[in-house]
Amino acid sequence: MLIKQWNKLPVEMQNEAVKPYYDLLRKRTVSLTIKRLFDIIMSIVLFLVLSPVFLIVSLLIKVDSKGPVFYRQQRVTQYGKIFRIYKFRTMVQNADKTGSLVTINNDTRVTKIGKKLRKYRLDEIPQLLNIISGDMTFVGTRPEVPKYVAHYTDEMKATLLLPAGVTSRVSIEYKDEEKILKEAGNVDLVYIKTILPKKAICNLDQVKNISVLGDFSLLFLTLLKVFEK
């Protein structure tokens, strides 16, 4: 996982706010290389080990509601690249066309099996394919849809120096999102003006302090959080 030369970055990322983060990451070549090797090896191993889970969950989704097994959505990853994230479908078909792009507490669009999958984060398992392809990493900033990335400040664009992650500090620490959105009149506006900036503070700090040990720690904390439910 090497960082591009400064003049090869997207023009919108070549700004003074991004430069300190860029310079720091350029000094972490060894850590980033280990991070990518871990991503490749572990994602392939987990994909093989969890293949029976793929089959069982796929059958449950098909029995529970109409629609495809997988949900694919455009998200933004390293250098502003648009990619399709894979998840097990947890909402009714075409849910993103009947409401906000973010979910709220007790969202009526979530299916019965979808609630269980979300509770234990099993819906994220197909993202192993995104990790294998290099579009994602195990630990990193959670990928946003292009609509929200368009509202990034210059500094927030520093999170796009690295691939998007399956889990992050925000995933573990930020617990008020669904509650805030449930009480919001305009969900998208509140997400952009209130939640996105708060998440960015945590995400940028994670970029500053990136390390292999830090990644392992976050993976462990993520597993603890899942099993606590």
Protein backbone atom coordinates (compact mmCIF):
# COMPACT_ATOMS: atom_id res chain seq x y z
CA MET A 1 0.00 0.00 0.00
CA LEU A 2 2.20 2.81 -1.30
CA ILE A 3 1.25 6.49 -1.34
CA LYS A 4 1.36 8.25 -4.71
CA GLN A 5 3.74 11.11 -5.36
CA TRP A 6 2.24 14.48 -4.40
CA ASN A 7 1.89 15.68 -7.99
CA LYS A 8 0.07 12.46 -8.89
CA LEU A 9 -2.73 13.03 -6.37
CA PRO A 10 -6.10 14.32 -7.57
CA VAL A 11 -5.86 18.10 -7.89
CA GLU A 12 -8.49 18.70 -5.20
CA MET A 13 -6.32 16.77 -2.71
CA GLN A 14 -3.19 18.81 -3.42
CA ASN A 15 -3.91 21.44 -0.79
CA GLU A 16 -2.14 22.79 2.30
CA ALA A 17 -4.52 21.06 4.72
CA VAL A 18 -3.78 17.60 3.27
CA LYS A 19 0.02 18.08 3.02
CA PRO A 20 0.91 17.36 6.70
CA TYR A 21 -1.02 14.07 6.60
CA TYR A 22 0.61 13.19 3.28
CA ASP A 23 4.13 13.84 4.59
CA LEU A 24 3.44 11.69 7.65
CA LEU A 25 2.13 8.76 5.61
CA ARG A 26 5.10 8.89 3.24
CA LYS A 27 7.27 8.09 6.27
CA ARG A 28 5.16 5.05 7.16
CA THR A 29 6.00 2.94 4.10
CA VAL A 30 6.90 -0.16 6.13
CA SER A 31 3.71 0.00 8.21
CA LEU A 32 1.56 0.51 5.11
CA THR A 33 3.24 -2.41 3.33
CA ILE A 34 2.62 -4.72 6.31
CA LYS A 35 -0.95 -3.42 6.47
CA ARG A 36 -1.62 -4.39 2.85
CA LEU A 37 0.01 -7.81 3.19
CA PHE A 38 -2.13 -8.50 6.25
CA ASP A 39 -5.23 -7.37 4.33
CA ILE A 40 -4.55 -9.74 1.43
CA ILE A 41 -3.67 -12.82 3.49
CA MET A 42 -6.37 -12.43 6.15
CA SER A 43 -9.17 -11.54 3.72
CA ILE A 44 -8.47 -14.62 1.57
CA VAL A 45 -8.29 -16.89 4.64
CA LEU A 46 -11.51 -15.48 6.10
CA PHE A 47 -13.29 -15.72 2.76
CA LEU A 48 -12.48 -19.44 2.57
CA VAL A 49 -13.31 -20.11 6.23
CA LEU A 50 -16.57 -18.16 6.12
CA SER A 51 -17.82 -19.56 2.81
CA PRO A 52 -20.44 -21.74 4.62
CA VAL A 53 -21.68 -18.59 6.38
CA PHE A 54 -22.01 -16.90 2.98
CA LEU A 55 -24.26 -19.72 1.80
CA ILE A 56 -26.44 -19.82 4.94
CA VAL A 57 -26.91 -16.04 5.11
CA SER A 58 -27.69 -15.90 1.38
CA LEU A 59 -30.47 -18.47 1.80
CA LEU A 60 -31.92 -16.64 4.82
CA ILE A 61 -32.02 -13.36 2.91
CA LYS A 62 -33.81 -14.92 -0.06
CA VAL A 63 -36.39 -16.57 2.21
CA ASP A 64 -36.93 -13.41 4.27
CA SER A 65 -37.68 -10.88 1.52
CA LYS A 66 -37.74 -10.23 -2.21
CA GLY A 67 -34.63 -8.90 -3.86
CA PRO A 68 -30.97 -9.76 -4.42
CA VAL A 69 -28.73 -11.30 -1.77
CA PHE A 70 -26.10 -8.59 -2.08
CA TYR A 71 -26.47 -4.85 -1.79
CA ARG A 72 -24.05 -2.84 -3.90
CA GLN A 73 -23.66 0.88 -3.57
CA GLN A 74 -21.25 3.47 -4.93
CA ARG A 75 -18.81 4.67 -2.27
CA VAL A 76 -15.59 6.67 -2.28
CA THR A 77 -12.18 5.23 -1.38
CA GLN A 78 -8.48 6.11 -1.77
CA TYR A 79 -7.75 9.17 -3.94
CA GLY A 80 -11.46 9.77 -4.44
CA LYS A 81 -11.96 6.61 -6.50
CA ILE A 82 -15.58 5.52 -6.86
CA PHE A 83 -16.12 1.82 -6.19
CA ARG A 84 -19.01 -0.51 -5.41
CA ILE A 85 -19.12 -1.72 -1.83
CA TYR A 86 -20.55 -5.18 -1.20
CA LYS A 87 -22.85 -5.99 1.70
CA PHE A 88 -25.47 -8.58 2.43
CA ARG A 89 -28.81 -6.86 1.76
CA THR A 90 -30.43 -5.90 5.08
CA MET A 91 -33.16 -3.60 3.79
CA VAL A 92 -36.14 -3.93 1.48
CA GLN A 93 -35.40 -3.78 -2.22
CA ASN A 94 -34.70 -0.24 -3.55
CA ALA A 95 -34.61 1.16 0.01
CA ASP A 96 -32.11 3.84 -1.02
CA LYS A 97 -34.73 5.22 -3.42
CA THR A 98 -37.42 5.54 -0.76
CA GLY A 99 -35.54 7.43 1.93
CA SER A 100 -32.22 8.82 3.14
CA LEU A 101 -28.88 7.24 2.24
CA VAL A 102 -28.19 6.82 5.96
CA THR A 103 -30.28 4.69 8.29
CA ILE A 104 -31.94 5.80 11.50
CA ASN A 105 -32.83 3.93 14.68
CA ASN A 106 -35.68 1.43 14.07
CA ASP A 107 -35.63 2.19 10.34
CA THR A 108 -38.72 0.52 8.86
CA ARG A 109 -36.82 -0.33 5.68
CA VAL A 110 -34.65 -2.88 7.54
CA THR A 111 -35.83 -6.49 7.10
CA LYS A 112 -36.23 -9.06 9.90
CA ILE A 113 -33.07 -10.95 9.02
CA GLY A 114 -31.43 -7.61 8.27
CA LYS A 115 -31.77 -6.55 11.92
CA LYS A 116 -29.88 -9.64 13.05
CA LEU A 117 -27.18 -9.22 10.42
CA ARG A 118 -26.66 -5.57 11.36
CA LYS A 119 -26.59 -6.32 15.08
CA TYR A 120 -23.60 -8.63 14.68
CA ARG A 121 -22.17 -6.80 11.63
CA LEU A 122 -22.53 -9.94 9.52
CA ASP A 123 -23.76 -7.78 6.66
CA GLU A 124 -20.18 -6.51 6.30
CA ILE A 125 -18.69 -9.95 5.49
CA PRO A 126 -18.89 -9.52 1.67
CA GLN A 127 -16.51 -6.57 2.02
CA LEU A 128 -13.76 -9.18 2.15
CA LEU A 129 -14.07 -9.06 -1.65
CA ASN A 130 -13.48 -5.29 -1.57
CA ILE A 131 -10.38 -5.83 0.58
CA ILE A 132 -8.97 -8.48 -1.77
CA SER A 133 -9.43 -6.11 -4.72
CA GLY A 134 -7.62 -3.31 -2.86
CA ASP A 135 -10.56 -0.92 -2.67
CA MET A 136 -10.81 -1.37 1.10
CA THR A 137 -8.71 -2.28 4.12
CA PHE A 138 -9.70 -3.90 7.41
CA VAL A 139 -9.08 -0.71 9.42
CA GLY A 140 -9.65 2.74 7.95
CA THR A 141 -12.17 5.51 7.46
CA ARG A 142 -15.60 4.08 6.66
CA PRO A 143 -16.46 4.89 3.02
CA GLU A 144 -19.05 7.56 2.34
CA VAL A 145 -21.29 7.94 -0.72
CA PRO A 146 -20.16 10.55 -3.29
CA LYS A 147 -23.03 12.83 -2.24
CA TYR A 148 -21.49 13.29 1.22
CA VAL A 149 -17.85 13.35 0.10
CA ALA A 150 -18.77 16.37 -2.04
CA HIS A 151 -19.16 18.27 1.25
CA TYR A 152 -15.67 17.40 2.56
CA THR A 153 -13.49 20.30 3.65
CA ASP A 154 -9.91 20.42 2.35
CA GLU A 155 -8.62 18.77 5.53
CA MET A 156 -11.25 16.02 5.48
CA LYS A 157 -9.91 15.00 2.06
CA ALA A 158 -6.79 13.71 3.85
CA THR A 159 -8.81 10.64 4.84
CA LEU A 160 -8.83 9.75 1.13
CA LEU A 161 -5.06 9.22 1.16
CA LEU A 162 -5.76 5.67 2.34
CA PRO A 163 -8.27 2.99 1.31
CA ALA A 164 -11.65 2.99 3.04
CA GLY A 165 -12.00 0.61 5.99
CA VAL A 166 -14.40 -2.06 7.19
CA THR A 167 -14.03 -0.80 10.76
CA SER A 168 -12.63 2.31 12.41
CA ARG A 169 -12.52 4.24 15.66
CA VAL A 170 -15.73 5.96 14.58
CA SER A 171 -17.46 2.57 14.23
CA ILE A 172 -16.55 1.79 17.84
CA GLU A 173 -16.77 5.15 19.60
CA TYR A 174 -19.50 7.11 17.80
CA LYS A 175 -22.76 5.79 19.20
CA ASP A 176 -25.14 8.72 18.86
CA GLU A 177 -25.58 8.82 15.08
CA GLU A 178 -28.85 6.90 14.74
CA LYS A 179 -30.36 8.69 17.75
CA ILE A 180 -29.48 12.13 16.34
CA LEU A 181 -30.77 11.23 12.87
CA LYS A 182 -34.02 9.80 14.24
CA GLU A 183 -34.81 13.17 15.81
CA ALA A 184 -33.77 15.13 12.72
CA GLY A 185 -36.27 16.80 10.43
CA ASN A 186 -33.90 16.71 7.46
CA VAL A 187 -31.72 13.61 7.88
CA ASP A 188 -29.28 14.41 5.07
CA LEU A 189 -28.75 18.00 6.23
CA VAL A 190 -28.09 16.97 9.84
CA TYR A 191 -25.70 14.24 8.69
CA ILE A 192 -23.72 16.67 6.54
CA LYS A 193 -23.67 19.60 8.96
CA THR A 194 -23.40 17.80 12.32
CA ILE A 195 -22.34 14.17 12.09
CA LEU A 196 -19.87 14.26 9.18
CA PRO A 197 -17.61 16.91 10.82
CA LYS A 198 -17.59 15.01 14.14
CA LYS A 199 -16.64 11.79 12.39
CA ALA A 200 -13.92 13.60 10.46
CA ILE A 201 -12.15 14.69 13.66
CA CYS A 202 -11.83 11.06 14.74
CA ASN A 203 -10.93 9.81 11.26
CA LEU A 204 -8.20 12.41 10.79
CA ASP A 205 -6.70 11.56 14.16
CA GLN A 206 -6.67 7.92 13.10
CA VAL A 207 -4.74 8.84 9.93
CA LYS A 208 -2.20 10.79 12.01
CA ASN A 209 -1.61 7.87 14.36
CA ILE A 210 -1.77 5.00 11.90
CA SER A 211 0.23 1.92 12.94
CA VAL A 212 0.10 -1.85 12.64
CA LEU A 213 -0.44 -2.25 16.39
CA GLY A 214 -3.17 0.38 16.27
CA ASP A 215 -4.96 -1.60 13.55
CA PHE A 216 -4.77 -4.83 15.53
CA SER A 217 -6.10 -3.01 18.59
CA LEU A 218 -9.09 -1.64 16.66
CA LEU A 219 -9.85 -5.05 15.16
CA PHE A 220 -9.82 -6.57 18.65
CA LEU A 221 -12.09 -3.81 20.01
CA THR A 222 -14.46 -4.31 17.07
CA LEU A 223 -14.75 -8.02 17.83
CA LEU A 224 -15.39 -7.26 21.50
CA LYS A 225 -18.14 -4.83 20.56
CA VAL A 226 -19.78 -7.40 18.27
CA PHE A 227 -19.75 -10.15 20.89
CA GLU A 228 -21.07 -7.80 23.58
CA LYS A 229 -24.37 -7.49 21.70
